[in-house]
Amino acid sequence: MNSRAGTPLRYRAMYSAIERIQDSVPGQLEITSTGIVHDLVCPVGPHELTVARVNRRMEKAMPDGIMAHTGAPDVAAESHGVLRRPDVMVIAEADMEVPGTFDPRTLIAAIEVVSQSNPDNDWVGKTRDYPLLGIPVYAIFDPRTGTGAVFTDIHPTPDGPRYATRKDFVYGEDVTVAEWTIPTDGLPRYP
């Protein structure tokens, strides 16, 4: 990793740039450990329907006090130079009662639905950034292929923290995200 990519000064400069331009560009801007990424996040039905169904299924499986939250705010770690917005964040309600961004170390899991416009952001960038942020479980649902994966067991490597375990699944199978198992049947695919 570029040693300057994660500096607080560089992060603050990128954050300031995003604040200035976010409302004038389509999609979403995030700060990664390697720079700014622009995900067009075209509001396509299959992406949003997958997010909604995964969110609902997680909510049904989880106890009171734990949320499958979609939307703002972001998760950020200035010390690592990363600001991300997972499609679904599994988090305790008590950990949501904070001003500003969520502390990524309070997330139980991050769930992403692969974007048609930038699939490497989910499959490559976030598998690099989420363990760096200390998010213990990362689940990916990919409407392009009808498959996904759950990453767990953060461990140190020469290139920084990485997930040691990857469990692949295909739509139609049950998948376990953190402590909760949900069905994947009926999730839409991209045309």
N, C-alpha and C. Protein backbone atom coordinates (compact mmCIF):
# COMPACT_ATOMS: atom_id res chain seq x y z
N MET A 1 0.84 -1.18 0.00
CA MET A 1 0.00 0.00 0.00
C MET A 1 0.89 1.24 0.00
N ASN A 2 0.52 2.22 -0.73
CA ASN A 2 1.22 3.49 -0.75
C ASN A 2 1.18 4.08 0.65
N SER A 3 2.31 4.39 1.21
CA SER A 3 2.35 4.85 2.59
C SER A 3 1.61 6.17 2.79
N ARG A 4 1.46 6.96 1.73
CA ARG A 4 0.75 8.22 1.86
C ARG A 4 -0.76 8.05 1.73
N ALA A 5 -1.23 6.92 1.16
CA ALA A 5 -2.66 6.75 0.90
C ALA A 5 -3.49 6.85 2.17
N GLY A 6 -2.96 6.38 3.27
CA GLY A 6 -3.76 6.36 4.49
C GLY A 6 -3.50 7.50 5.44
N THR A 7 -2.76 8.52 5.04
CA THR A 7 -2.45 9.59 5.98
C THR A 7 -3.67 10.45 6.25
N PRO A 8 -3.81 10.92 7.49
CA PRO A 8 -4.95 11.77 7.82
C PRO A 8 -5.01 13.04 6.96
N LEU A 9 -3.88 13.63 6.62
CA LEU A 9 -3.88 14.84 5.80
C LEU A 9 -4.45 14.55 4.41
N ARG A 10 -4.02 13.46 3.82
CA ARG A 10 -4.54 13.07 2.50
C ARG A 10 -6.03 12.74 2.59
N TYR A 11 -6.41 12.04 3.65
CA TYR A 11 -7.82 11.71 3.85
C TYR A 11 -8.67 12.97 3.94
N ARG A 12 -8.24 13.93 4.75
CA ARG A 12 -9.01 15.16 4.92
C ARG A 12 -9.13 15.93 3.60
N ALA A 13 -8.08 15.93 2.80
CA ALA A 13 -8.13 16.61 1.49
C ALA A 13 -9.13 15.91 0.57
N MET A 14 -9.12 14.57 0.54
CA MET A 14 -10.06 13.84 -0.30
C MET A 14 -11.49 14.02 0.22
N TYR A 15 -11.66 14.00 1.53
CA TYR A 15 -12.99 14.19 2.12
C TYR A 15 -13.54 15.56 1.75
N SER A 16 -12.71 16.58 1.83
CA SER A 16 -13.12 17.94 1.47
C SER A 16 -13.53 18.01 -0.01
N ALA A 17 -12.77 17.35 -0.87
CA ALA A 17 -13.11 17.33 -2.30
C ALA A 17 -14.45 16.64 -2.53
N ILE A 18 -14.67 15.53 -1.85
CA ILE A 18 -15.94 14.80 -2.00
C ILE A 18 -17.11 15.66 -1.53
N GLU A 19 -16.95 16.34 -0.41
CA GLU A 19 -18.03 17.19 0.09
C GLU A 19 -18.40 18.27 -0.92
N ARG A 20 -17.40 18.82 -1.61
CA ARG A 20 -17.64 19.89 -2.57
C ARG A 20 -18.36 19.40 -3.83
N ILE A 21 -18.05 18.19 -4.28
CA ILE A 21 -18.59 17.76 -5.57
C ILE A 21 -19.67 16.69 -5.51
N GLN A 22 -19.89 16.05 -4.37
CA GLN A 22 -20.82 14.91 -4.29
C GLN A 22 -22.19 15.23 -4.87
N ASP A 23 -22.74 16.39 -4.57
CA ASP A 23 -24.09 16.71 -5.05
C ASP A 23 -24.15 16.99 -6.54
N SER A 24 -23.00 17.20 -7.18
CA SER A 24 -23.01 17.53 -8.61
C SER A 24 -22.61 16.36 -9.50
N VAL A 25 -22.32 15.19 -8.92
CA VAL A 25 -21.98 14.02 -9.72
C VAL A 25 -22.95 12.89 -9.41
N PRO A 26 -23.28 12.09 -10.41
CA PRO A 26 -24.17 10.96 -10.14
C PRO A 26 -23.43 9.89 -9.35
N GLY A 27 -24.18 9.12 -8.60
CA GLY A 27 -23.59 8.00 -7.88
C GLY A 27 -22.99 8.40 -6.56
N GLN A 28 -22.01 7.61 -6.15
CA GLN A 28 -21.44 7.74 -4.82
C GLN A 28 -19.93 7.81 -4.91
N LEU A 29 -19.35 8.67 -4.11
CA LEU A 29 -17.89 8.78 -4.00
C LEU A 29 -17.48 8.25 -2.64
N GLU A 30 -16.44 7.41 -2.63
CA GLU A 30 -15.92 6.87 -1.39
C GLU A 30 -14.41 7.05 -1.39
N ILE A 31 -13.84 7.06 -0.21
CA ILE A 31 -12.39 7.15 -0.06
C ILE A 31 -11.90 5.76 0.30
N THR A 32 -10.99 5.24 -0.53
CA THR A 32 -10.44 3.91 -0.29
C THR A 32 -9.01 4.06 0.19
N SER A 33 -8.40 2.95 0.52
CA SER A 33 -7.00 3.01 0.96
C SER A 33 -6.07 3.37 -0.19
N THR A 34 -6.58 3.39 -1.42
CA THR A 34 -5.74 3.75 -2.57
C THR A 34 -6.18 5.03 -3.26
N GLY A 35 -7.24 5.69 -2.79
CA GLY A 35 -7.70 6.93 -3.41
C GLY A 35 -9.21 7.02 -3.41
N ILE A 36 -9.75 7.89 -4.26
CA ILE A 36 -11.20 8.08 -4.36
C ILE A 36 -11.75 7.14 -5.43
N VAL A 37 -12.87 6.49 -5.12
CA VAL A 37 -13.54 5.64 -6.10
C VAL A 37 -14.92 6.23 -6.36
N HIS A 38 -15.31 6.22 -7.63
CA HIS A 38 -16.63 6.71 -8.04
C HIS A 38 -17.45 5.53 -8.52
N ASP A 39 -18.53 5.26 -7.81
CA ASP A 39 -19.43 4.19 -8.20
C ASP A 39 -20.70 4.85 -8.69
N LEU A 40 -21.02 4.64 -9.96
CA LEU A 40 -22.18 5.30 -10.54
C LEU A 40 -23.48 4.90 -9.86
N VAL A 41 -23.53 3.71 -9.28
CA VAL A 41 -24.69 3.23 -8.54
C VAL A 41 -25.98 3.66 -9.25
N CYS A 42 -26.07 3.32 -10.52
CA CYS A 42 -27.29 3.60 -11.24
C CYS A 42 -28.42 2.91 -10.49
N PRO A 43 -29.50 3.60 -10.24
CA PRO A 43 -30.57 3.00 -9.43
C PRO A 43 -31.31 1.91 -10.21
N VAL A 44 -30.63 0.80 -10.46
CA VAL A 44 -31.24 -0.31 -11.18
C VAL A 44 -32.04 -1.15 -10.20
N GLY A 45 -33.18 -1.63 -10.68
CA GLY A 45 -34.07 -2.40 -9.84
C GLY A 45 -33.44 -3.60 -9.17
N PRO A 46 -32.73 -4.47 -9.92
CA PRO A 46 -32.16 -5.67 -9.28
C PRO A 46 -31.22 -5.36 -8.11
N HIS A 47 -30.42 -4.29 -8.22
CA HIS A 47 -29.53 -3.92 -7.12
C HIS A 47 -30.33 -3.52 -5.90
N GLU A 48 -31.26 -2.59 -6.09
CA GLU A 48 -32.03 -2.09 -4.96
C GLU A 48 -32.95 -3.16 -4.37
N LEU A 49 -33.52 -4.02 -5.22
CA LEU A 49 -34.37 -5.10 -4.72
C LEU A 49 -33.55 -6.11 -3.92
N THR A 50 -32.34 -6.40 -4.37
CA THR A 50 -31.47 -7.30 -3.61
C THR A 50 -31.14 -6.70 -2.25
N VAL A 51 -30.77 -5.41 -2.22
CA VAL A 51 -30.48 -4.75 -0.95
C VAL A 51 -31.69 -4.85 -0.03
N ALA A 52 -32.88 -4.55 -0.55
CA ALA A 52 -34.09 -4.57 0.27
C ALA A 52 -34.40 -5.97 0.80
N ARG A 53 -34.27 -6.99 -0.07
CA ARG A 53 -34.59 -8.35 0.37
C ARG A 53 -33.56 -8.88 1.37
N VAL A 54 -32.29 -8.61 1.14
CA VAL A 54 -31.26 -9.05 2.09
C VAL A 54 -31.48 -8.33 3.42
N ASN A 55 -31.74 -7.04 3.36
CA ASN A 55 -32.00 -6.27 4.58
C ASN A 55 -33.17 -6.86 5.36
N ARG A 56 -34.28 -7.13 4.68
CA ARG A 56 -35.47 -7.66 5.35
C ARG A 56 -35.19 -9.04 5.95
N ARG A 57 -34.49 -9.88 5.19
CA ARG A 57 -34.20 -11.24 5.69
C ARG A 57 -33.27 -11.20 6.89
N MET A 58 -32.29 -10.32 6.86
CA MET A 58 -31.40 -10.18 8.02
C MET A 58 -32.18 -9.69 9.22
N GLU A 59 -33.03 -8.68 9.04
CA GLU A 59 -33.82 -8.13 10.14
C GLU A 59 -34.69 -9.20 10.79
N LYS A 60 -35.28 -10.08 9.97
CA LYS A 60 -36.13 -11.14 10.51
C LYS A 60 -35.33 -12.14 11.34
N ALA A 61 -34.08 -12.36 10.98
CA ALA A 61 -33.25 -13.36 11.65
C ALA A 61 -32.59 -12.84 12.93
N MET A 62 -32.43 -11.52 13.04
CA MET A 62 -31.65 -10.95 14.14
C MET A 62 -32.53 -10.60 15.34
N PRO A 63 -31.93 -10.57 16.53
CA PRO A 63 -32.69 -10.19 17.73
C PRO A 63 -32.90 -8.68 17.79
N ASP A 64 -33.81 -8.27 18.66
CA ASP A 64 -34.00 -6.84 18.92
C ASP A 64 -32.68 -6.24 19.37
N GLY A 65 -32.45 -5.01 18.98
CA GLY A 65 -31.23 -4.32 19.36
C GLY A 65 -30.13 -4.39 18.32
N ILE A 66 -30.30 -5.27 17.33
CA ILE A 66 -29.34 -5.36 16.22
C ILE A 66 -30.09 -4.96 14.96
N MET A 67 -29.47 -4.11 14.15
CA MET A 67 -30.12 -3.60 12.93
C MET A 67 -29.36 -4.05 11.69
N ALA A 68 -30.11 -4.23 10.61
CA ALA A 68 -29.52 -4.35 9.27
C ALA A 68 -29.84 -3.01 8.62
N HIS A 69 -28.92 -2.07 8.75
CA HIS A 69 -29.15 -0.67 8.39
C HIS A 69 -28.70 -0.41 6.96
N THR A 70 -29.52 0.31 6.20
CA THR A 70 -29.12 0.76 4.87
C THR A 70 -29.05 2.27 4.87
N GLY A 71 -28.19 2.81 4.03
CA GLY A 71 -28.12 4.26 3.90
C GLY A 71 -27.05 4.89 4.74
N ALA A 72 -27.18 6.21 4.92
CA ALA A 72 -26.19 7.00 5.62
C ALA A 72 -26.31 6.75 7.12
N PRO A 73 -25.30 7.06 7.90
CA PRO A 73 -24.04 7.65 7.49
C PRO A 73 -23.03 6.60 7.01
N ASP A 74 -21.89 7.09 6.63
CA ASP A 74 -20.81 6.22 6.18
C ASP A 74 -20.11 5.59 7.38
N VAL A 75 -19.19 4.67 7.08
CA VAL A 75 -18.23 4.20 8.08
C VAL A 75 -16.89 4.79 7.67
N ALA A 76 -16.16 5.30 8.64
CA ALA A 76 -14.92 5.99 8.30
C ALA A 76 -13.86 5.75 9.36
N ALA A 77 -12.64 5.70 8.89
CA ALA A 77 -11.47 5.64 9.77
C ALA A 77 -10.42 6.56 9.18
N GLU A 78 -10.39 7.78 9.68
CA GLU A 78 -9.43 8.76 9.17
C GLU A 78 -8.00 8.25 9.30
N SER A 79 -7.71 7.53 10.38
CA SER A 79 -6.35 7.03 10.59
C SER A 79 -5.90 6.08 9.48
N HIS A 80 -6.86 5.41 8.82
CA HIS A 80 -6.54 4.52 7.71
C HIS A 80 -6.83 5.17 6.37
N GLY A 81 -7.40 6.37 6.38
CA GLY A 81 -7.71 7.08 5.15
C GLY A 81 -8.82 6.43 4.35
N VAL A 82 -9.84 5.88 5.03
CA VAL A 82 -10.91 5.16 4.34
C VAL A 82 -12.28 5.65 4.81
N LEU A 83 -13.17 5.88 3.84
CA LEU A 83 -14.56 6.20 4.10
C LEU A 83 -15.39 5.36 3.13
N ARG A 84 -16.26 4.52 3.65
CA ARG A 84 -17.08 3.61 2.83
C ARG A 84 -18.53 3.69 3.26
N ARG A 85 -19.44 3.30 2.35
CA ARG A 85 -20.85 3.20 2.69
C ARG A 85 -21.36 1.84 2.23
N PRO A 86 -21.35 0.84 3.12
CA PRO A 86 -21.88 -0.47 2.74
C PRO A 86 -23.36 -0.38 2.39
N ASP A 87 -23.81 -1.28 1.51
CA ASP A 87 -25.23 -1.33 1.17
C ASP A 87 -26.06 -1.67 2.40
N VAL A 88 -25.58 -2.61 3.21
CA VAL A 88 -26.24 -2.98 4.46
C VAL A 88 -25.17 -3.09 5.53
N MET A 89 -25.44 -2.46 6.67
CA MET A 89 -24.53 -2.54 7.81
C MET A 89 -25.24 -3.25 8.95
N VAL A 90 -24.68 -4.32 9.44
CA VAL A 90 -25.23 -5.01 10.61
C VAL A 90 -24.53 -4.39 11.82
N ILE A 91 -25.35 -3.78 12.68
CA ILE A 91 -24.79 -2.97 13.77
C ILE A 91 -25.79 -2.93 14.92
N ALA A 92 -25.27 -2.85 16.12
CA ALA A 92 -26.14 -2.69 17.29
C ALA A 92 -26.73 -1.28 17.28
N GLU A 93 -28.00 -1.19 17.67
CA GLU A 93 -28.65 0.12 17.71
C GLU A 93 -27.86 1.10 18.57
N ALA A 94 -27.33 0.64 19.69
CA ALA A 94 -26.58 1.51 20.59
C ALA A 94 -25.36 2.12 19.89
N ASP A 95 -24.76 1.38 18.96
CA ASP A 95 -23.58 1.88 18.25
C ASP A 95 -23.93 2.87 17.15
N MET A 96 -25.23 3.03 16.88
CA MET A 96 -25.69 4.00 15.89
C MET A 96 -25.93 5.37 16.51
N GLU A 97 -25.95 5.43 17.83
CA GLU A 97 -26.25 6.67 18.54
C GLU A 97 -25.00 7.53 18.69
N VAL A 98 -24.41 7.88 17.54
CA VAL A 98 -23.19 8.68 17.53
C VAL A 98 -23.36 9.80 16.50
N PRO A 99 -22.70 10.93 16.72
CA PRO A 99 -22.72 11.97 15.70
C PRO A 99 -21.76 11.60 14.57
N GLY A 100 -22.08 11.99 13.38
CA GLY A 100 -21.18 11.77 12.25
C GLY A 100 -21.19 10.33 11.77
N THR A 101 -20.04 9.91 11.26
CA THR A 101 -19.91 8.58 10.68
C THR A 101 -19.87 7.50 11.75
N PHE A 102 -20.23 6.27 11.34
CA PHE A 102 -20.13 5.14 12.26
C PHE A 102 -18.67 4.70 12.38
N ASP A 103 -18.30 4.26 13.55
CA ASP A 103 -16.99 3.65 13.76
C ASP A 103 -17.04 2.26 13.14
N PRO A 104 -16.21 1.97 12.13
CA PRO A 104 -16.29 0.67 11.46
C PRO A 104 -16.05 -0.51 12.39
N ARG A 105 -15.34 -0.29 13.49
CA ARG A 105 -15.08 -1.38 14.43
C ARG A 105 -16.32 -1.81 15.18
N THR A 106 -17.41 -1.01 15.10
CA THR A 106 -18.66 -1.39 15.76
C THR A 106 -19.56 -2.21 14.85
N LEU A 107 -19.24 -2.29 13.56
CA LEU A 107 -20.05 -3.10 12.66
C LEU A 107 -19.86 -4.58 12.96
N ILE A 108 -20.94 -5.31 12.95
CA ILE A 108 -20.89 -6.76 13.08
C ILE A 108 -20.59 -7.37 11.72
N ALA A 109 -21.14 -6.75 10.67
CA ALA A 109 -20.91 -7.20 9.30
C ALA A 109 -21.23 -6.07 8.34
N ALA A 110 -20.58 -6.13 7.19
CA ALA A 110 -20.90 -5.26 6.05
C ALA A 110 -21.37 -6.15 4.92
N ILE A 111 -22.45 -5.72 4.25
CA ILE A 111 -23.00 -6.49 3.14
C ILE A 111 -23.05 -5.59 1.93
N GLU A 112 -22.55 -6.10 0.81
CA GLU A 112 -22.56 -5.35 -0.44
C GLU A 112 -23.27 -6.13 -1.52
N VAL A 113 -23.99 -5.41 -2.38
CA VAL A 113 -24.56 -5.97 -3.59
C VAL A 113 -23.73 -5.40 -4.73
N VAL A 114 -23.15 -6.28 -5.53
CA VAL A 114 -22.21 -5.86 -6.57
C VAL A 114 -22.89 -4.93 -7.56
N SER A 115 -22.23 -3.83 -7.83
CA SER A 115 -22.70 -2.85 -8.78
C SER A 115 -22.33 -3.26 -10.20
N GLN A 116 -23.23 -3.04 -11.15
CA GLN A 116 -22.92 -3.31 -12.55
C GLN A 116 -21.82 -2.39 -13.05
N SER A 117 -21.79 -1.16 -12.54
CA SER A 117 -20.86 -0.17 -13.08
C SER A 117 -19.43 -0.35 -12.59
N ASN A 118 -19.22 -0.99 -11.43
CA ASN A 118 -17.87 -1.09 -10.89
C ASN A 118 -17.75 -2.30 -9.97
N PRO A 119 -17.82 -3.53 -10.52
CA PRO A 119 -17.78 -4.72 -9.66
C PRO A 119 -16.48 -4.88 -8.88
N ASP A 120 -15.36 -4.38 -9.42
CA ASP A 120 -14.09 -4.50 -8.69
C ASP A 120 -14.10 -3.73 -7.38
N ASN A 121 -14.93 -2.70 -7.27
CA ASN A 121 -15.03 -1.96 -6.03
C ASN A 121 -15.46 -2.89 -4.90
N ASP A 122 -16.42 -3.80 -5.19
CA ASP A 122 -16.90 -4.72 -4.16
C ASP A 122 -15.99 -5.94 -4.00
N TRP A 123 -15.57 -6.53 -5.11
CA TRP A 123 -14.79 -7.77 -5.06
C TRP A 123 -13.31 -7.55 -4.73
N VAL A 124 -12.76 -6.40 -5.04
CA VAL A 124 -11.33 -6.16 -4.80
C VAL A 124 -11.12 -5.09 -3.73
N GLY A 125 -11.62 -3.88 -4.00
CA GLY A 125 -11.37 -2.76 -3.09
C GLY A 125 -11.89 -2.97 -1.68
N LYS A 126 -13.11 -3.46 -1.57
CA LYS A 126 -13.70 -3.61 -0.23
C LYS A 126 -13.16 -4.85 0.49
N THR A 127 -12.73 -5.87 -0.25
CA THR A 127 -12.09 -7.00 0.44
C THR A 127 -10.72 -6.58 0.98
N ARG A 128 -10.18 -5.49 0.46
CA ARG A 128 -8.93 -4.93 0.98
C ARG A 128 -9.22 -3.97 2.14
N ASP A 129 -10.24 -3.09 1.96
CA ASP A 129 -10.49 -2.04 2.94
C ASP A 129 -11.24 -2.50 4.18
N TYR A 130 -12.20 -3.41 4.04
CA TYR A 130 -13.00 -3.79 5.21
C TYR A 130 -12.19 -4.49 6.30
N PRO A 131 -11.26 -5.40 5.99
CA PRO A 131 -10.45 -5.94 7.09
C PRO A 131 -9.52 -4.88 7.69
N LEU A 132 -9.06 -3.95 6.87
CA LEU A 132 -8.24 -2.85 7.37
C LEU A 132 -9.02 -2.03 8.40
N LEU A 133 -10.33 -1.88 8.16
CA LEU A 133 -11.18 -1.13 9.08
C LEU A 133 -11.61 -1.95 10.29
N GLY A 134 -11.35 -3.26 10.27
CA GLY A 134 -11.71 -4.11 11.40
C GLY A 134 -13.12 -4.66 11.33
N ILE A 135 -13.75 -4.63 10.16
CA ILE A 135 -15.10 -5.18 10.00
C ILE A 135 -14.96 -6.70 9.91
N PRO A 136 -15.46 -7.45 10.91
CA PRO A 136 -15.15 -8.87 11.00
C PRO A 136 -15.78 -9.78 9.94
N VAL A 137 -16.91 -9.35 9.37
CA VAL A 137 -17.60 -10.18 8.37
C VAL A 137 -17.98 -9.29 7.20
N TYR A 138 -17.67 -9.77 6.00
CA TYR A 138 -18.02 -9.05 4.78
C TYR A 138 -18.71 -10.03 3.84
N ALA A 139 -19.97 -9.74 3.48
CA ALA A 139 -20.73 -10.60 2.58
C ALA A 139 -21.01 -9.85 1.27
N ILE A 140 -20.82 -10.56 0.16
CA ILE A 140 -21.05 -9.99 -1.17
C ILE A 140 -22.13 -10.81 -1.88
N PHE A 141 -23.11 -10.11 -2.43
CA PHE A 141 -24.14 -10.71 -3.27
C PHE A 141 -23.94 -10.16 -4.67
N ASP A 142 -23.82 -11.04 -5.67
CA ASP A 142 -23.49 -10.60 -7.03
C ASP A 142 -24.61 -10.95 -8.01
N PRO A 143 -25.50 -9.97 -8.32
CA PRO A 143 -26.60 -10.22 -9.25
C PRO A 143 -26.15 -10.48 -10.69
N ARG A 144 -24.88 -10.22 -11.00
CA ARG A 144 -24.37 -10.52 -12.34
C ARG A 144 -24.30 -12.02 -12.56
N THR A 145 -23.92 -12.76 -11.51
CA THR A 145 -23.65 -14.19 -11.63
C THR A 145 -24.57 -15.07 -10.80
N GLY A 146 -25.35 -14.46 -9.90
CA GLY A 146 -26.18 -15.25 -8.99
C GLY A 146 -25.36 -16.01 -7.98
N THR A 147 -24.25 -15.41 -7.57
CA THR A 147 -23.34 -16.02 -6.60
C THR A 147 -22.97 -14.99 -5.55
N GLY A 148 -22.20 -15.42 -4.58
CA GLY A 148 -21.70 -14.50 -3.58
C GLY A 148 -20.66 -15.17 -2.72
N ALA A 149 -20.18 -14.44 -1.73
CA ALA A 149 -19.17 -14.97 -0.82
C ALA A 149 -19.27 -14.24 0.51
N VAL A 150 -18.88 -14.95 1.57
CA VAL A 150 -18.79 -14.36 2.90
C VAL A 150 -17.34 -14.49 3.35
N PHE A 151 -16.75 -13.36 3.70
CA PHE A 151 -15.35 -13.30 4.13
C PHE A 151 -15.29 -13.09 5.64
N THR A 152 -14.42 -13.85 6.32
CA THR A 152 -14.29 -13.75 7.77
C THR A 152 -12.83 -13.99 8.18
N ASP A 153 -12.58 -13.93 9.47
CA ASP A 153 -11.29 -14.28 10.07
C ASP A 153 -10.16 -13.38 9.59
N ILE A 154 -10.18 -12.14 10.06
CA ILE A 154 -9.14 -11.18 9.71
C ILE A 154 -7.81 -11.65 10.28
N HIS A 155 -6.77 -11.59 9.47
CA HIS A 155 -5.43 -11.95 9.93
C HIS A 155 -4.42 -11.01 9.30
N PRO A 156 -3.26 -10.84 9.93
CA PRO A 156 -2.25 -9.93 9.38
C PRO A 156 -1.51 -10.57 8.20
N THR A 157 -1.17 -9.75 7.22
CA THR A 157 -0.32 -10.17 6.10
C THR A 157 0.68 -9.06 5.86
N PRO A 158 1.72 -9.30 5.06
CA PRO A 158 2.67 -8.23 4.74
C PRO A 158 2.01 -7.03 4.06
N ASP A 159 0.88 -7.24 3.38
CA ASP A 159 0.17 -6.14 2.71
C ASP A 159 -0.93 -5.54 3.56
N GLY A 160 -0.99 -5.90 4.82
CA GLY A 160 -2.03 -5.39 5.71
C GLY A 160 -3.03 -6.48 6.05
N PRO A 161 -3.98 -6.16 6.92
CA PRO A 161 -4.97 -7.16 7.33
C PRO A 161 -5.77 -7.67 6.13
N ARG A 162 -6.08 -8.97 6.14
CA ARG A 162 -6.88 -9.58 5.08
C ARG A 162 -7.82 -10.61 5.72
N TYR A 163 -8.88 -10.95 4.98
CA TYR A 163 -9.75 -12.03 5.42
C TYR A 163 -9.10 -13.36 5.09
N ALA A 164 -9.09 -14.29 6.05
CA ALA A 164 -8.47 -15.60 5.85
C ALA A 164 -9.44 -16.62 5.29
N THR A 165 -10.73 -16.42 5.54
CA THR A 165 -11.72 -17.42 5.15
C THR A 165 -12.72 -16.82 4.17
N ARG A 166 -12.98 -17.57 3.09
CA ARG A 166 -13.97 -17.18 2.10
C ARG A 166 -14.90 -18.37 1.87
N LYS A 167 -16.20 -18.14 2.07
CA LYS A 167 -17.20 -19.18 1.81
C LYS A 167 -18.09 -18.70 0.68
N ASP A 168 -18.00 -19.38 -0.45
CA ASP A 168 -18.80 -19.04 -1.62
C ASP A 168 -20.18 -19.65 -1.52
N PHE A 169 -21.15 -19.02 -2.17
CA PHE A 169 -22.50 -19.56 -2.25
C PHE A 169 -23.11 -19.21 -3.59
N VAL A 170 -24.15 -19.93 -3.96
CA VAL A 170 -24.92 -19.61 -5.15
C VAL A 170 -26.33 -19.28 -4.71
N TYR A 171 -26.96 -18.38 -5.47
CA TYR A 171 -28.34 -18.02 -5.15
C TYR A 171 -29.19 -19.29 -5.10
N GLY A 172 -30.04 -19.36 -4.11
CA GLY A 172 -30.86 -20.54 -3.87
C GLY A 172 -30.42 -21.28 -2.62
N GLU A 173 -29.15 -21.09 -2.22
CA GLU A 173 -28.63 -21.70 -0.99
C GLU A 173 -28.86 -20.75 0.18
N ASP A 174 -28.89 -21.31 1.39
CA ASP A 174 -28.88 -20.47 2.57
C ASP A 174 -27.45 -19.99 2.80
N VAL A 175 -27.32 -18.77 3.32
CA VAL A 175 -26.00 -18.21 3.59
C VAL A 175 -25.99 -17.67 5.02
N THR A 176 -24.87 -17.89 5.70
CA THR A 176 -24.71 -17.39 7.07
C THR A 176 -23.84 -16.14 7.05
N VAL A 177 -24.40 -15.06 7.57
CA VAL A 177 -23.69 -13.79 7.69
C VAL A 177 -23.59 -13.51 9.19
N ALA A 178 -22.36 -13.52 9.70
CA ALA A 178 -22.11 -13.42 11.13
C ALA A 178 -22.82 -14.59 11.81
N GLU A 179 -23.81 -14.34 12.66
CA GLU A 179 -24.49 -15.41 13.38
C GLU A 179 -25.82 -15.82 12.76
N TRP A 180 -26.22 -15.16 11.68
CA TRP A 180 -27.58 -15.33 11.18
C TRP A 180 -27.59 -15.93 9.78
N THR A 181 -28.47 -16.91 9.59
CA THR A 181 -28.58 -17.59 8.30
C THR A 181 -29.85 -17.12 7.60
N ILE A 182 -29.68 -16.74 6.33
CA ILE A 182 -30.82 -16.27 5.54
C ILE A 182 -30.87 -17.03 4.22
N PRO A 183 -32.08 -17.13 3.63
CA PRO A 183 -32.18 -17.75 2.30
C PRO A 183 -31.76 -16.76 1.22
N THR A 184 -31.29 -17.29 0.10
CA THR A 184 -30.94 -16.43 -1.04
C THR A 184 -31.85 -16.69 -2.23
N ASP A 185 -32.86 -17.51 -2.05
CA ASP A 185 -33.78 -17.76 -3.15
C ASP A 185 -34.57 -16.48 -3.44
N GLY A 186 -34.93 -16.31 -4.71
CA GLY A 186 -35.73 -15.15 -5.10
C GLY A 186 -34.97 -13.86 -5.22
N LEU A 187 -33.64 -13.88 -5.10
CA LEU A 187 -32.88 -12.66 -5.31
C LEU A 187 -32.74 -12.44 -6.82
N PRO A 188 -32.96 -11.20 -7.28
CA PRO A 188 -32.94 -10.95 -8.72
C PRO A 188 -31.54 -10.96 -9.30
N ARG A 189 -31.50 -11.13 -10.60
CA ARG A 189 -30.24 -11.09 -11.37
C ARG A 189 -30.29 -9.89 -12.30
N TYR A 190 -29.12 -9.39 -12.67
CA TYR A 190 -29.07 -8.34 -13.69
C TYR A 190 -29.42 -8.93 -15.04
N PRO A 191 -30.12 -8.16 -15.88
CA PRO A 191 -30.46 -8.69 -17.21
C PRO A 191 -29.23 -8.86 -18.08
